[in-house]
């Protein structure tokens, strides 16, 4: 299925050191693509020079837009920013480009009109994980086991930061999203399962750069609590 328009949503928080290189790489990729793309950058209350750096790109490129928010978390920023998208398909992209942007081609080549969510996976036999510490990998597998056990989500890699959404059907699950932190992905997949949306995994090559915003010891506990919150939200009928 060929796309004519795509929105790329990039959440940022204190990314002054690498956002320029990432935007340059994305713009170079788009210059050789045959579809129109808008880039929506959501800033989660950065207290460094991220906003100033991004604004220089906004001034030069009419397809780059910046949205500024108070610091609430990655999930909140993505929810608010993706709702500003003008296109039928949106691609969420981590600012560090831990998946090379050229691999967006894999999503586009596999995209079918019946696909609602395409998600990058690091767990396929056709995927590669480069440089990831073993303890982080183990934590990820434990977390994935808990989401499957407690929420019945049969997704191998919920936390990969690269996903494509058909907004004609996915806008509703973003409207119902309540999780502001890193676990927002799990809530979206949970809502997608309840609504029987079609999901498809896309094997990717993923690079660990060592400066992740996720703090394993603290955020792992918070994410476990949030899994329970999602379960309770469902039990008490807070999702439509």
Protein backbone atom coordinates (compact mmCIF):
# COMPACT_ATOMS: atom_id res chain seq x y z
CA UNK A 1 0.00 0.00 0.00
CA UNK A 2 1.52 3.33 -1.06
CA UNK A 3 1.18 6.34 1.24
CA UNK A 4 0.90 9.89 -0.03
CA UNK A 5 1.10 11.56 3.39
CA UNK A 6 2.59 10.64 6.75
CA UNK A 7 2.99 12.37 10.11
CA UNK A 8 6.11 11.59 12.15
CA UNK A 9 5.69 12.28 15.87
CA UNK A 10 8.87 12.72 17.92
CA UNK A 11 8.69 13.14 21.72
CA UNK A 12 11.66 15.03 23.18
CA UNK A 13 12.93 15.81 26.66
CA UNK A 14 16.35 17.43 27.12
CA UNK A 15 17.59 16.33 23.69
CA UNK A 16 19.75 19.35 22.80
CA UNK A 17 22.79 17.16 22.16
CA UNK A 18 21.31 14.92 19.50
CA UNK A 19 18.07 16.34 18.12
CA UNK A 20 19.90 18.26 15.37
CA UNK A 21 21.63 15.15 14.06
CA UNK A 22 18.38 13.19 14.22
CA UNK A 23 16.38 15.84 12.36
CA UNK A 24 19.09 16.16 9.72
CA UNK A 25 19.00 12.40 9.20
CA UNK A 26 15.21 12.34 8.95
CA UNK A 27 15.12 15.27 6.52
CA UNK A 28 17.73 13.59 4.32
CA UNK A 29 15.66 10.40 4.30
CA UNK A 30 12.47 12.30 3.44
CA UNK A 31 14.19 14.16 0.61
CA UNK A 32 14.53 10.81 -1.16
CA UNK A 33 11.00 9.61 -0.38
CA UNK A 34 7.95 9.80 -2.61
CA UNK A 35 5.44 10.85 0.05
CA UNK A 36 4.77 14.13 1.85
CA UNK A 37 5.61 14.15 5.54
CA UNK A 38 5.02 16.51 8.43
CA UNK A 39 7.24 16.23 11.50
CA UNK A 40 5.53 16.97 14.81
CA UNK A 41 7.89 17.42 17.76
CA UNK A 42 6.39 17.34 21.24
CA UNK A 43 8.60 18.82 23.96
CA UNK A 44 7.99 17.46 27.45
CA UNK A 45 9.07 20.58 29.33
CA UNK A 46 12.78 20.39 28.51
CA UNK A 47 14.98 22.54 30.77
CA UNK A 48 17.95 22.63 28.39
CA UNK A 49 18.19 24.24 24.93
CA UNK A 50 16.11 21.64 23.08
CA UNK A 51 13.34 24.11 22.22
CA UNK A 52 15.81 26.67 20.84
CA UNK A 53 17.49 24.03 18.68
CA UNK A 54 14.18 22.73 17.31
CA UNK A 55 12.86 26.23 16.64
CA UNK A 56 15.74 26.83 14.23
CA UNK A 57 14.44 23.90 12.17
CA UNK A 58 10.86 25.13 12.45
CA UNK A 59 11.95 28.47 10.96
CA UNK A 60 13.64 26.77 7.99
CA UNK A 61 11.23 23.91 7.27
CA UNK A 62 7.49 24.44 6.84
CA UNK A 63 6.77 20.76 7.53
CA UNK A 64 8.33 20.79 11.02
CA UNK A 65 6.12 21.85 13.93
CA UNK A 66 6.93 22.16 17.63
CA UNK A 67 4.45 21.69 20.47
CA UNK A 68 5.53 22.59 24.00
CA UNK A 69 4.07 21.09 27.16
CA UNK A 70 4.76 21.05 30.86
CA UNK A 71 6.73 18.03 32.06
CA UNK A 72 4.20 15.19 32.38
CA UNK A 73 5.83 12.21 30.71
CA UNK A 74 6.40 10.60 27.32
CA UNK A 75 2.91 9.14 27.08
CA UNK A 76 1.19 12.47 27.67
CA UNK A 77 3.37 14.23 25.11
CA UNK A 78 2.72 11.62 22.44
CA UNK A 79 -1.02 11.63 23.08
CA UNK A 80 -1.33 15.42 22.82
CA UNK A 81 1.01 15.71 19.83
CA UNK A 82 -0.42 12.88 17.76
CA UNK A 83 -3.85 14.47 18.08
CA UNK A 84 -2.43 17.46 16.17
CA UNK A 85 -1.51 15.28 13.18
CA UNK A 86 -3.19 16.05 9.88
CA UNK A 87 -2.50 12.74 8.14
CA UNK A 88 -4.27 9.39 8.22
CA UNK A 89 -1.10 7.55 9.26
CA UNK A 90 1.22 8.54 12.10
CA UNK A 91 4.65 7.14 12.90
CA UNK A 92 6.02 7.51 16.44
CA UNK A 93 9.78 7.83 16.44
CA UNK A 94 12.23 8.06 19.37
CA UNK A 95 14.49 11.09 19.19
CA UNK A 96 17.69 9.04 19.42
CA UNK A 97 16.87 7.13 16.21
CA UNK A 98 17.87 3.90 17.93
CA UNK A 99 16.15 2.37 14.91
CA UNK A 100 17.69 3.90 11.77
CA UNK A 101 15.02 6.01 10.09
CA UNK A 102 15.68 4.23 6.80
CA UNK A 103 13.95 1.22 8.34
CA UNK A 104 10.69 3.13 8.15
CA UNK A 105 10.71 1.55 4.68
CA UNK A 106 10.02 -1.81 6.33
CA UNK A 107 6.81 -0.42 7.82
CA UNK A 108 5.74 1.14 4.55
CA UNK A 109 6.45 -2.00 2.51
CA UNK A 110 4.44 -4.17 4.91
CA UNK A 111 1.57 -1.70 5.33
CA UNK A 112 -1.84 -2.99 4.28
CA UNK A 113 -5.12 -1.09 4.36
CA UNK A 114 -6.40 -3.56 6.95
CA UNK A 115 -3.48 -2.89 9.32
CA UNK A 116 -4.32 -0.66 12.26
CA UNK A 117 -1.05 -0.73 14.23
CA UNK A 118 2.41 -1.69 13.00
CA UNK A 119 5.00 -1.91 15.75
CA UNK A 120 8.74 -2.32 15.62
CA UNK A 121 9.97 -5.41 17.42
CA UNK A 122 13.40 -6.29 18.75
CA UNK A 123 12.25 -9.84 19.55
CA UNK A 124 11.89 -11.38 16.09
CA UNK A 125 14.48 -13.83 14.78
CA UNK A 126 14.90 -11.27 11.99
CA UNK A 127 15.63 -8.43 14.45
CA UNK A 128 18.95 -7.27 15.86
CA UNK A 129 19.71 -5.72 19.26
CA UNK A 130 23.09 -4.00 19.23
CA UNK A 131 24.88 -2.94 22.41
CA UNK A 132 22.09 -3.56 24.92
CA UNK A 133 23.25 -4.53 28.44
CA UNK A 134 22.07 -7.99 29.40
CA UNK A 135 20.31 -6.86 32.59
CA UNK A 136 18.15 -4.44 30.59
CA UNK A 137 17.23 -7.23 28.22
CA UNK A 138 16.22 -9.46 31.15
CA UNK A 139 14.14 -6.68 32.72
CA UNK A 140 12.38 -6.23 29.41
CA UNK A 141 11.53 -9.92 29.17
CA UNK A 142 10.18 -9.94 32.74
CA UNK A 143 8.07 -6.87 31.99
CA UNK A 144 6.73 -8.46 28.82
CA UNK A 145 5.81 -11.60 30.77
CA UNK A 146 3.86 -9.51 33.29
CA UNK A 147 1.92 -7.64 30.60
CA UNK A 148 0.96 -10.94 29.01
CA UNK A 149 0.02 -12.50 32.35
CA UNK A 150 -1.95 -9.59 33.79
CA UNK A 151 -3.34 -7.91 30.68
CA UNK A 152 -3.45 -10.76 28.15
CA UNK A 153 -1.43 -8.70 25.66
CA UNK A 154 0.26 -11.08 23.24
CA UNK A 155 2.78 -8.55 21.92
CA UNK A 156 6.43 -9.59 22.00
CA UNK A 157 7.83 -6.06 22.33
CA UNK A 158 5.46 -3.42 23.66
CA UNK A 159 8.17 -0.90 24.55
CA UNK A 160 9.97 -0.38 21.25
CA UNK A 161 9.71 3.32 20.47
CA UNK A 162 8.83 2.97 16.77
CA UNK A 163 5.18 2.42 15.85
CA UNK A 164 2.78 3.31 13.04
CA UNK A 165 -0.92 3.99 13.58
CA UNK A 166 -3.86 4.19 11.21
CA UNK A 167 -5.47 7.19 12.88
CA UNK A 168 -8.85 6.66 11.25
CA UNK A 169 -9.35 3.81 13.72
CA UNK A 170 -6.66 4.50 16.37
CA UNK A 171 -7.67 8.04 17.32
CA UNK A 172 -10.22 6.57 19.70
CA UNK A 173 -7.65 4.60 21.70
CA UNK A 174 -5.47 7.69 22.08
CA UNK A 175 -8.49 9.61 23.34
CA UNK A 176 -8.98 6.94 26.00
CA UNK A 177 -5.29 6.78 26.96
CA UNK A 178 -4.73 7.68 30.63
CA UNK A 179 -1.10 6.70 31.21
CA UNK A 180 1.35 9.60 30.97
CA UNK A 181 4.59 7.69 31.47
CA UNK A 182 6.57 5.03 29.64
CA UNK A 183 3.79 2.44 29.93
CA UNK A 184 1.46 4.32 27.59
CA UNK A 185 2.36 1.77 24.86
CA UNK A 186 0.98 -1.08 26.94
CA UNK A 187 -2.28 0.78 27.54
CA UNK A 188 -2.65 1.43 23.81
CA UNK A 189 -2.10 -2.25 23.01
CA UNK A 190 -4.57 -3.20 25.74
CA UNK A 191 -7.21 -0.89 24.26
CA UNK A 192 -6.41 -2.15 20.76
CA UNK A 193 -7.01 -5.73 21.90
CA UNK A 194 -10.34 -4.77 23.49
CA UNK A 195 -11.40 -3.16 20.20
CA UNK A 196 -10.06 -6.07 18.14
CA UNK A 197 -7.73 -3.88 16.09
CA UNK A 198 -5.24 -5.52 13.76
CA UNK A 199 -1.60 -5.34 14.85
CA UNK A 200 1.49 -6.38 12.91
CA UNK A 201 5.09 -6.66 14.09
CA UNK A 202 7.93 -5.29 12.00
CA UNK A 203 11.42 -6.69 12.74
CA UNK A 204 13.97 -3.90 13.18
CA UNK A 205 17.63 -3.35 13.95
CA UNK A 206 17.87 -1.53 17.27
CA UNK A 207 20.91 0.20 18.78
CA UNK A 208 21.40 0.89 22.48
CA UNK A 209 23.12 4.25 22.95
CA UNK A 210 23.52 4.20 26.73
CA UNK A 211 21.66 7.42 27.57
CA UNK A 212 18.10 6.17 27.82
CA UNK A 213 15.64 8.24 29.87
CA UNK A 214 14.36 5.00 31.43
CA UNK A 215 15.80 4.35 34.92
CA UNK A 216 15.54 0.57 35.35
CA UNK A 217 15.35 0.38 39.15
CA UNK A 218 12.82 3.22 39.58
CA UNK A 219 10.78 3.09 36.39
CA UNK A 220 10.39 -0.70 36.43
CA UNK A 221 8.50 -0.43 39.73
CA UNK A 222 6.38 2.47 38.44
CA UNK A 223 5.55 0.54 35.29
CA UNK A 224 4.47 -2.50 37.32
CA UNK A 225 2.12 -0.28 39.34
CA UNK A 226 0.77 1.15 36.09
CA UNK A 227 0.03 -2.35 34.78
CA UNK A 228 -2.18 -2.80 37.85
CA UNK A 229 -3.81 0.58 37.19
CA UNK A 230 -4.67 -0.46 33.62
CA UNK A 231 -6.18 -3.68 34.94
CA UNK A 232 -8.25 -1.73 37.48
CA UNK A 233 -9.36 0.81 34.87
CA UNK A 234 -10.70 -2.05 32.81
CA UNK A 235 -12.31 -3.79 35.78
CA UNK A 236 -14.17 -0.64 36.81
CA UNK A 237 -15.32 0.08 33.25
CA UNK A 238 -13.25 3.22 32.69
CA UNK A 239 -12.48 2.22 29.12
CA UNK A 240 -15.28 2.42 26.55
